[in-house]
């Protein structure tokens, strides 16, 4: 079975489990609330909506922060690879220099 990939099945299972938990959380938090923020008021909305919104805002903020960190690390890796190649050439050149006796 060449098309069978266990990682894909794990991802599908994880999505199903997380979706189930999100649905159970939403069903347990159907009470309505009103949000008052900076002089703006919302109409009555279920509690799970602002909680979900706050979660998503934090998630995307974390993804954004990690993307900047990843970019910095990728640049550092590229620099270190160039430095490694330069030092490897230097070592190879030093190995090829014949030894001289000062006798």
Protein backbone atom coordinates (compact mmCIF):
# COMPACT_ATOMS: atom_id res chain seq x y z
CA UNK A 1 0.00 0.00 0.00
CA UNK A 2 2.15 2.81 -1.33
CA UNK A 3 -0.50 5.51 -0.82
CA UNK A 4 -0.92 4.74 2.89
CA UNK A 5 0.94 7.25 5.02
CA UNK A 6 0.68 6.98 8.81
CA UNK A 7 1.45 10.67 9.33
CA UNK A 8 -1.60 11.66 7.30
CA UNK A 9 -3.80 9.36 9.40
CA UNK A 10 -2.37 10.87 12.58
CA UNK A 11 -3.18 14.37 11.27
CA UNK A 12 -6.74 13.32 10.40
CA UNK A 13 -7.20 11.76 13.83
CA UNK A 14 -5.82 14.88 15.53
CA UNK A 15 -8.19 17.13 13.56
CA UNK A 16 -11.16 14.92 14.47
CA UNK A 17 -10.25 14.93 18.18
CA UNK A 18 -9.66 18.71 18.29
CA UNK A 19 -12.88 19.39 16.39
CA UNK A 20 -14.77 17.18 18.83
CA UNK A 21 -13.32 19.05 21.81
CA UNK A 22 -14.10 22.43 20.21
CA UNK A 23 -17.69 21.35 19.57
CA UNK A 24 -18.10 20.08 23.14
CA UNK A 25 -16.65 23.35 24.47
CA UNK A 26 -19.05 25.39 22.32
CA UNK A 27 -22.04 23.33 23.44
CA UNK A 28 -21.04 23.74 27.10
CA UNK A 29 -20.72 27.54 26.71
CA UNK A 30 -23.90 28.60 24.93
CA UNK A 31 -24.84 31.27 27.47
CA UNK A 32 -25.02 34.72 25.91
CA UNK A 33 -22.84 37.63 26.95
CA UNK A 34 -22.33 41.22 25.87
CA UNK A 35 -18.87 42.63 25.31
CA UNK A 36 -18.11 46.26 26.15
CA UNK A 37 -14.68 47.31 24.88
CA UNK A 38 -13.42 50.88 24.36
CA UNK A 39 -16.91 52.29 24.35
CA UNK A 40 -18.20 49.78 21.79
CA UNK A 41 -20.82 47.23 22.81
CA UNK A 42 -21.73 44.02 21.08
CA UNK A 43 -25.13 42.44 20.93
CA UNK A 44 -25.75 39.23 22.84
CA UNK A 45 -23.36 36.56 21.58
CA UNK A 46 -22.55 33.05 22.86
CA UNK A 47 -19.57 32.88 25.22
CA UNK A 48 -17.62 30.50 23.00
CA UNK A 49 -17.31 33.09 20.19
CA UNK A 50 -15.04 35.58 22.05
CA UNK A 51 -13.10 32.68 23.59
CA UNK A 52 -12.55 31.16 20.15
CA UNK A 53 -11.64 34.59 18.74
CA UNK A 54 -9.08 35.15 21.52
CA UNK A 55 -7.61 31.69 20.91
CA UNK A 56 -7.29 32.32 17.17
CA UNK A 57 -5.77 35.76 17.75
CA UNK A 58 -3.15 34.22 20.05
CA UNK A 59 -2.51 31.37 17.63
CA UNK A 60 -1.90 33.67 14.66
CA UNK A 61 0.20 35.99 16.81
CA UNK A 62 2.36 33.02 17.77
CA UNK A 63 2.65 31.89 14.15
CA UNK A 64 3.71 35.40 13.15
CA UNK A 65 6.34 35.55 15.91
CA UNK A 66 7.66 32.11 15.01
CA UNK A 67 7.89 33.02 11.33
CA UNK A 68 10.18 35.96 12.15
CA UNK A 69 12.29 33.74 14.39
CA UNK A 70 12.46 31.03 11.73
CA UNK A 71 13.54 33.56 9.11
CA UNK A 72 16.34 34.78 11.37
CA UNK A 73 17.50 31.23 12.03
CA UNK A 74 17.42 30.33 8.32
CA UNK A 75 19.63 33.36 7.59
CA UNK A 76 22.03 32.30 10.33
CA UNK A 77 22.14 28.74 8.97
CA UNK A 78 22.95 30.05 5.48
CA UNK A 79 25.75 32.21 6.91
CA UNK A 80 27.16 29.30 8.93
CA UNK A 81 27.08 27.01 5.87
CA UNK A 82 29.10 29.57 3.90
CA UNK A 83 31.53 29.92 6.79
CA UNK A 84 31.83 26.13 7.04
CA UNK A 85 32.56 25.84 3.30
CA UNK A 86 35.21 28.59 3.55
CA UNK A 87 36.88 26.93 6.53
CA UNK A 88 36.72 23.52 4.84
CA UNK A 89 38.51 24.95 1.76
CA UNK A 90 41.13 26.47 4.07
CA UNK A 91 41.69 23.12 5.81
CA UNK A 92 41.97 21.35 2.44
CA UNK A 93 44.51 23.94 1.24
CA UNK A 94 46.55 23.52 4.42
CA UNK A 95 46.53 19.74 4.01
CA UNK A 96 47.91 20.06 0.49
CA UNK A 97 50.88 22.22 1.50
CA UNK A 98 54.01 20.02 1.57
CA UNK A 99 55.84 19.73 4.88
CA UNK A 100 59.23 21.46 5.00
CA UNK A 101 62.04 20.43 7.29
CA UNK A 102 64.12 23.20 8.85
CA UNK A 103 67.09 20.93 9.53
